[in-house]
Amino acid sequence: DNYTSLTMDATTTPGADGASKLCLSCHDGTHPGVDTNHTISALATSHPVSFVYDQQLAIDDGELVDPTTLASDILDTNSKMQCTSCHDIHTSAAADPNLRWAYSGSANNVAFCRTCHNK
């Protein structure tokens, strides 16, 4: 299942691609023995992945950072947001395993989310 939201302006296609396809080959909630606290049973319950995050999307949405100002490794070579945009299984912040940055701040102002979101 794909992520859906009344507020999402990006175009999605069925299924994940790129690095997200590799991640979801185990973390899609269908494999026994995988820690259920770290599985994604459906993309509809998580942050969207495998969509193009470009300047036009930022303009259309109005609450996204211009992607040309992001670090060059946040989006994949097709300008798509993937699991690896936020997660890195090879490094971890002290309190936030497998996240690229510390997940800190108040409930409505998390610095991690502000990497891409202006709201």
N, C-alpha and C. Protein backbone atom coordinates (compact mmCIF):
# COMPACT_ATOMS: atom_id res chain seq x y z
N ASP A 1 0.84 -1.19 0.00
CA ASP A 1 0.00 0.00 0.00
C ASP A 1 0.88 1.24 0.00
N ASN A 2 0.44 2.25 -0.71
CA ASN A 2 1.16 3.51 -0.73
C ASN A 2 0.64 4.46 0.31
N TYR A 3 1.49 5.33 0.73
CA TYR A 3 1.13 6.40 1.64
C TYR A 3 0.09 7.29 0.96
N THR A 4 -0.92 7.68 1.70
CA THR A 4 -1.89 8.64 1.18
C THR A 4 -2.16 9.68 2.26
N SER A 5 -2.42 10.89 1.84
CA SER A 5 -2.70 11.97 2.78
C SER A 5 -3.39 13.09 2.03
N LEU A 6 -4.32 13.75 2.69
CA LEU A 6 -4.98 14.90 2.08
C LEU A 6 -4.02 16.06 1.88
N THR A 7 -2.92 16.08 2.63
CA THR A 7 -1.98 17.20 2.54
C THR A 7 -0.75 16.91 1.68
N MET A 8 -0.62 15.70 1.17
CA MET A 8 0.56 15.37 0.35
C MET A 8 0.33 15.81 -1.09
N ASP A 9 1.26 16.60 -1.61
CA ASP A 9 1.16 17.10 -2.97
C ASP A 9 1.99 16.30 -3.97
N ALA A 10 2.86 15.43 -3.49
CA ALA A 10 3.72 14.64 -4.37
C ALA A 10 2.91 13.55 -5.07
N THR A 11 3.37 13.14 -6.21
CA THR A 11 2.77 12.04 -6.95
C THR A 11 3.47 10.76 -6.55
N THR A 12 2.70 9.74 -6.20
CA THR A 12 3.28 8.45 -5.85
C THR A 12 2.85 7.41 -6.86
N THR A 13 3.64 6.37 -6.97
CA THR A 13 3.31 5.23 -7.82
C THR A 13 3.28 3.99 -6.94
N PRO A 14 2.62 2.94 -7.37
CA PRO A 14 2.55 1.73 -6.53
C PRO A 14 3.93 1.18 -6.19
N GLY A 15 4.11 0.86 -4.92
CA GLY A 15 5.33 0.22 -4.47
C GLY A 15 6.49 1.17 -4.28
N ALA A 16 7.43 0.74 -3.48
CA ALA A 16 8.65 1.51 -3.24
C ALA A 16 9.69 1.17 -4.31
N ASP A 17 10.66 2.05 -4.47
CA ASP A 17 11.78 1.78 -5.37
C ASP A 17 13.06 2.23 -4.69
N GLY A 18 14.16 2.14 -5.39
CA GLY A 18 15.45 2.58 -4.85
C GLY A 18 15.81 1.88 -3.56
N ALA A 19 16.50 2.61 -2.67
CA ALA A 19 16.94 2.05 -1.40
C ALA A 19 15.76 1.61 -0.53
N SER A 20 14.62 2.27 -0.66
CA SER A 20 13.45 1.92 0.14
C SER A 20 12.96 0.51 -0.16
N LYS A 21 13.12 0.08 -1.40
CA LYS A 21 12.70 -1.28 -1.76
C LYS A 21 13.54 -2.30 -0.98
N LEU A 22 14.82 -2.03 -0.83
CA LEU A 22 15.69 -2.92 -0.06
C LEU A 22 15.26 -2.92 1.41
N CYS A 23 15.04 -1.76 1.99
CA CYS A 23 14.64 -1.68 3.40
C CYS A 23 13.33 -2.42 3.64
N LEU A 24 12.37 -2.18 2.77
CA LEU A 24 11.05 -2.76 2.96
C LEU A 24 10.99 -4.24 2.62
N SER A 25 12.06 -4.78 2.04
CA SER A 25 12.07 -6.23 1.80
C SER A 25 12.03 -6.98 3.11
N CYS A 26 12.48 -6.36 4.20
CA CYS A 26 12.39 -6.95 5.55
C CYS A 26 11.44 -6.17 6.45
N HIS A 27 11.43 -4.86 6.33
CA HIS A 27 10.69 -4.01 7.26
C HIS A 27 9.32 -3.60 6.74
N ASP A 28 8.60 -4.55 6.18
CA ASP A 28 7.25 -4.25 5.71
C ASP A 28 6.18 -4.88 6.60
N GLY A 29 6.61 -5.50 7.70
CA GLY A 29 5.67 -6.08 8.65
C GLY A 29 5.24 -7.49 8.32
N THR A 30 5.79 -8.10 7.28
CA THR A 30 5.36 -9.44 6.88
C THR A 30 6.31 -10.54 7.31
N HIS A 31 7.49 -10.20 7.79
CA HIS A 31 8.49 -11.21 8.15
C HIS A 31 8.47 -11.51 9.64
N PRO A 32 8.25 -12.77 9.99
CA PRO A 32 8.28 -13.12 11.43
C PRO A 32 9.69 -12.95 11.99
N GLY A 33 9.77 -12.57 13.25
CA GLY A 33 11.07 -12.42 13.89
C GLY A 33 11.64 -11.02 13.78
N VAL A 34 11.08 -10.18 12.95
CA VAL A 34 11.55 -8.80 12.86
C VAL A 34 10.90 -8.02 14.00
N ASP A 35 11.68 -7.24 14.71
CA ASP A 35 11.18 -6.44 15.84
C ASP A 35 9.99 -5.60 15.39
N THR A 36 8.84 -5.86 15.97
CA THR A 36 7.64 -5.15 15.53
C THR A 36 7.68 -3.66 15.82
N ASN A 37 8.55 -3.21 16.71
CA ASN A 37 8.68 -1.78 16.95
C ASN A 37 9.39 -1.07 15.81
N HIS A 38 10.02 -1.81 14.94
CA HIS A 38 10.77 -1.20 13.85
C HIS A 38 10.31 -1.68 12.48
N THR A 39 9.10 -2.18 12.38
CA THR A 39 8.57 -2.60 11.09
C THR A 39 7.60 -1.57 10.57
N ILE A 40 7.41 -1.62 9.31
CA ILE A 40 6.40 -0.77 8.67
C ILE A 40 5.40 -1.73 8.07
N SER A 41 4.22 -1.81 8.65
CA SER A 41 3.23 -2.75 8.15
C SER A 41 2.60 -2.25 6.86
N ALA A 42 2.57 -0.96 6.65
CA ALA A 42 2.04 -0.39 5.42
C ALA A 42 2.60 1.02 5.27
N LEU A 43 2.92 1.40 4.06
CA LEU A 43 3.42 2.75 3.84
C LEU A 43 2.40 3.80 4.25
N ALA A 44 1.13 3.43 4.30
CA ALA A 44 0.08 4.37 4.68
C ALA A 44 0.21 4.81 6.13
N THR A 45 0.98 4.10 6.94
CA THR A 45 1.11 4.47 8.35
C THR A 45 2.46 5.09 8.65
N SER A 46 3.22 5.44 7.64
CA SER A 46 4.56 5.95 7.85
C SER A 46 4.78 7.17 6.96
N HIS A 47 5.99 7.73 7.05
CA HIS A 47 6.35 8.83 6.15
C HIS A 47 6.40 8.29 4.74
N PRO A 48 5.94 9.05 3.76
CA PRO A 48 6.00 8.58 2.38
C PRO A 48 7.44 8.42 1.90
N VAL A 49 7.67 7.49 1.00
CA VAL A 49 8.98 7.27 0.39
C VAL A 49 8.80 7.07 -1.11
N SER A 50 9.90 7.12 -1.82
CA SER A 50 9.94 6.87 -3.26
C SER A 50 9.12 7.87 -4.07
N PHE A 51 9.13 9.12 -3.65
CA PHE A 51 8.47 10.17 -4.43
C PHE A 51 9.51 11.24 -4.76
N VAL A 52 9.31 11.91 -5.88
CA VAL A 52 10.22 12.96 -6.31
C VAL A 52 10.00 14.20 -5.44
N TYR A 53 11.09 14.67 -4.85
CA TYR A 53 11.08 15.89 -4.02
C TYR A 53 11.91 16.91 -4.78
N ASP A 54 11.24 17.73 -5.55
CA ASP A 54 11.93 18.73 -6.36
C ASP A 54 11.41 20.13 -6.03
N GLN A 55 11.97 21.13 -6.71
CA GLN A 55 11.57 22.51 -6.44
C GLN A 55 10.09 22.74 -6.70
N GLN A 56 9.55 22.10 -7.72
CA GLN A 56 8.14 22.29 -8.02
C GLN A 56 7.27 21.75 -6.89
N LEU A 57 7.63 20.61 -6.32
CA LEU A 57 6.88 20.06 -5.19
C LEU A 57 6.94 21.03 -4.00
N ALA A 58 8.12 21.58 -3.73
CA ALA A 58 8.26 22.53 -2.62
C ALA A 58 7.39 23.76 -2.85
N ILE A 59 7.33 24.23 -4.07
CA ILE A 59 6.49 25.39 -4.40
C ILE A 59 5.02 25.03 -4.25
N ASP A 60 4.61 23.90 -4.83
CA ASP A 60 3.22 23.48 -4.76
C ASP A 60 2.76 23.25 -3.33
N ASP A 61 3.62 22.65 -2.51
CA ASP A 61 3.27 22.34 -1.13
C ASP A 61 3.27 23.59 -0.25
N GLY A 62 4.29 24.42 -0.41
CA GLY A 62 4.39 25.65 0.37
C GLY A 62 4.93 25.47 1.77
N GLU A 63 5.12 24.24 2.21
CA GLU A 63 5.64 23.98 3.56
C GLU A 63 6.85 23.08 3.55
N LEU A 64 7.52 23.01 2.41
CA LEU A 64 8.73 22.20 2.27
C LEU A 64 9.91 23.09 1.95
N VAL A 65 11.06 22.71 2.44
CA VAL A 65 12.31 23.40 2.15
C VAL A 65 12.67 23.19 0.69
N ASP A 66 13.24 24.19 0.06
CA ASP A 66 13.72 24.06 -1.31
C ASP A 66 14.77 22.95 -1.32
N PRO A 67 14.56 21.89 -2.08
CA PRO A 67 15.49 20.76 -2.05
C PRO A 67 16.90 21.09 -2.52
N THR A 68 17.07 22.18 -3.24
CA THR A 68 18.43 22.54 -3.68
C THR A 68 19.28 23.01 -2.50
N THR A 69 18.66 23.29 -1.35
CA THR A 69 19.40 23.71 -0.17
C THR A 69 19.73 22.55 0.76
N LEU A 70 19.24 21.34 0.45
CA LEU A 70 19.49 20.17 1.28
C LEU A 70 20.86 19.59 1.01
N ALA A 71 21.39 18.85 1.97
CA ALA A 71 22.65 18.13 1.75
C ALA A 71 22.48 17.22 0.54
N SER A 72 23.53 17.06 -0.22
CA SER A 72 23.45 16.34 -1.49
C SER A 72 23.09 14.87 -1.35
N ASP A 73 23.23 14.29 -0.15
CA ASP A 73 22.92 12.86 -0.01
C ASP A 73 21.55 12.58 0.60
N ILE A 74 20.72 13.60 0.78
CA ILE A 74 19.39 13.37 1.34
C ILE A 74 18.48 12.72 0.32
N LEU A 75 18.52 13.17 -0.91
CA LEU A 75 17.70 12.58 -1.97
C LEU A 75 18.56 11.64 -2.80
N ASP A 76 17.91 10.66 -3.43
CA ASP A 76 18.68 9.73 -4.26
C ASP A 76 19.01 10.38 -5.61
N THR A 77 19.62 9.65 -6.51
CA THR A 77 20.05 10.21 -7.80
C THR A 77 18.88 10.58 -8.70
N ASN A 78 17.66 10.12 -8.35
CA ASN A 78 16.46 10.48 -9.10
C ASN A 78 15.65 11.56 -8.39
N SER A 79 16.29 12.26 -7.44
CA SER A 79 15.65 13.31 -6.63
C SER A 79 14.48 12.79 -5.81
N LYS A 80 14.56 11.53 -5.41
CA LYS A 80 13.49 10.93 -4.63
C LYS A 80 13.85 10.83 -3.15
N MET A 81 12.84 11.04 -2.32
CA MET A 81 12.93 10.82 -0.88
C MET A 81 12.83 9.31 -0.68
N GLN A 82 13.80 8.75 0.05
CA GLN A 82 13.81 7.31 0.33
C GLN A 82 13.98 7.09 1.83
N CYS A 83 13.88 5.87 2.29
CA CYS A 83 14.11 5.56 3.71
C CYS A 83 15.47 6.12 4.15
N THR A 84 16.45 6.01 3.26
CA THR A 84 17.81 6.45 3.57
C THR A 84 17.96 7.97 3.64
N SER A 85 16.91 8.70 3.28
CA SER A 85 16.94 10.15 3.43
C SER A 85 17.01 10.53 4.91
N CYS A 86 16.40 9.71 5.77
CA CYS A 86 16.37 9.97 7.21
C CYS A 86 17.07 8.91 8.04
N HIS A 87 17.19 7.71 7.51
CA HIS A 87 17.75 6.60 8.27
C HIS A 87 19.11 6.18 7.72
N ASP A 88 20.01 5.80 8.61
CA ASP A 88 21.31 5.26 8.24
C ASP A 88 21.61 4.12 9.19
N ILE A 89 21.57 2.90 8.71
CA ILE A 89 21.77 1.74 9.58
C ILE A 89 23.21 1.59 10.04
N HIS A 90 24.11 2.35 9.45
CA HIS A 90 25.52 2.22 9.79
C HIS A 90 25.98 3.22 10.84
N THR A 91 25.17 4.22 11.15
CA THR A 91 25.50 5.18 12.19
C THR A 91 24.24 5.44 13.01
N SER A 92 24.40 6.03 14.17
CA SER A 92 23.23 6.38 14.96
C SER A 92 23.58 7.49 15.95
N ALA A 93 22.62 8.37 16.17
CA ALA A 93 22.76 9.37 17.22
C ALA A 93 22.59 8.66 18.55
N ALA A 94 23.16 9.18 19.59
CA ALA A 94 23.15 8.51 20.90
C ALA A 94 21.76 8.08 21.35
N ALA A 95 20.77 8.93 21.22
CA ALA A 95 19.43 8.60 21.71
C ALA A 95 18.50 8.12 20.61
N ASP A 96 18.94 8.14 19.37
CA ASP A 96 18.06 7.84 18.25
C ASP A 96 18.70 6.87 17.27
N PRO A 97 18.72 5.59 17.59
CA PRO A 97 19.38 4.62 16.71
C PRO A 97 18.83 4.65 15.28
N ASN A 98 19.71 4.58 14.37
CA ASN A 98 19.42 4.50 12.94
C ASN A 98 18.85 5.75 12.31
N LEU A 99 18.85 6.86 13.02
CA LEU A 99 18.45 8.12 12.41
C LEU A 99 19.70 8.91 12.05
N ARG A 100 19.63 9.65 10.98
CA ARG A 100 20.79 10.42 10.53
C ARG A 100 21.09 11.60 11.44
N TRP A 101 20.06 12.15 12.10
CA TRP A 101 20.23 13.28 13.01
C TRP A 101 19.45 13.00 14.28
N ALA A 102 19.82 13.68 15.34
CA ALA A 102 19.10 13.52 16.61
C ALA A 102 17.67 14.02 16.46
N TYR A 103 16.76 13.28 17.02
CA TYR A 103 15.34 13.64 16.99
C TYR A 103 15.05 14.43 18.25
N SER A 104 15.28 15.73 18.21
CA SER A 104 15.16 16.56 19.41
C SER A 104 14.26 17.75 19.14
N GLY A 105 13.77 18.33 20.21
CA GLY A 105 12.90 19.49 20.12
C GLY A 105 11.55 19.18 20.71
N SER A 106 10.64 20.13 20.59
CA SER A 106 9.29 19.94 21.12
C SER A 106 8.45 19.17 20.12
N ALA A 107 7.27 18.74 20.55
CA ALA A 107 6.39 17.94 19.70
C ALA A 107 6.05 18.66 18.40
N ASN A 108 5.96 19.98 18.43
CA ASN A 108 5.59 20.74 17.23
C ASN A 108 6.78 21.41 16.55
N ASN A 109 7.98 21.16 17.03
CA ASN A 109 9.16 21.80 16.45
C ASN A 109 10.36 20.87 16.58
N VAL A 110 10.32 19.75 15.87
CA VAL A 110 11.41 18.79 15.91
C VAL A 110 12.44 19.17 14.85
N ALA A 111 13.66 19.44 15.28
CA ALA A 111 14.72 19.87 14.36
C ALA A 111 14.92 18.88 13.23
N PHE A 112 14.83 17.58 13.54
CA PHE A 112 14.99 16.53 12.55
C PHE A 112 14.01 16.72 11.38
N CYS A 113 12.76 16.97 11.70
CA CYS A 113 11.72 17.14 10.67
C CYS A 113 11.91 18.43 9.90
N ARG A 114 12.47 19.44 10.57
CA ARG A 114 12.67 20.74 9.94
C ARG A 114 13.78 20.71 8.88
N THR A 115 14.46 19.59 8.77
CA THR A 115 15.43 19.46 7.68
C THR A 115 14.73 19.67 6.35
N CYS A 116 13.50 19.17 6.23
CA CYS A 116 12.74 19.27 4.98
C CYS A 116 11.43 20.05 5.09
N HIS A 117 10.87 20.11 6.29
CA HIS A 117 9.56 20.75 6.49
C HIS A 117 9.69 22.14 7.08
N ASN A 118 8.90 23.09 6.56
CA ASN A 118 8.85 24.45 7.08
C ASN A 118 7.68 24.69 8.02
N LYS A 119 6.90 23.69 8.31
CA LYS A 119 5.70 23.93 9.12
C LYS A 119 5.89 23.56 10.56
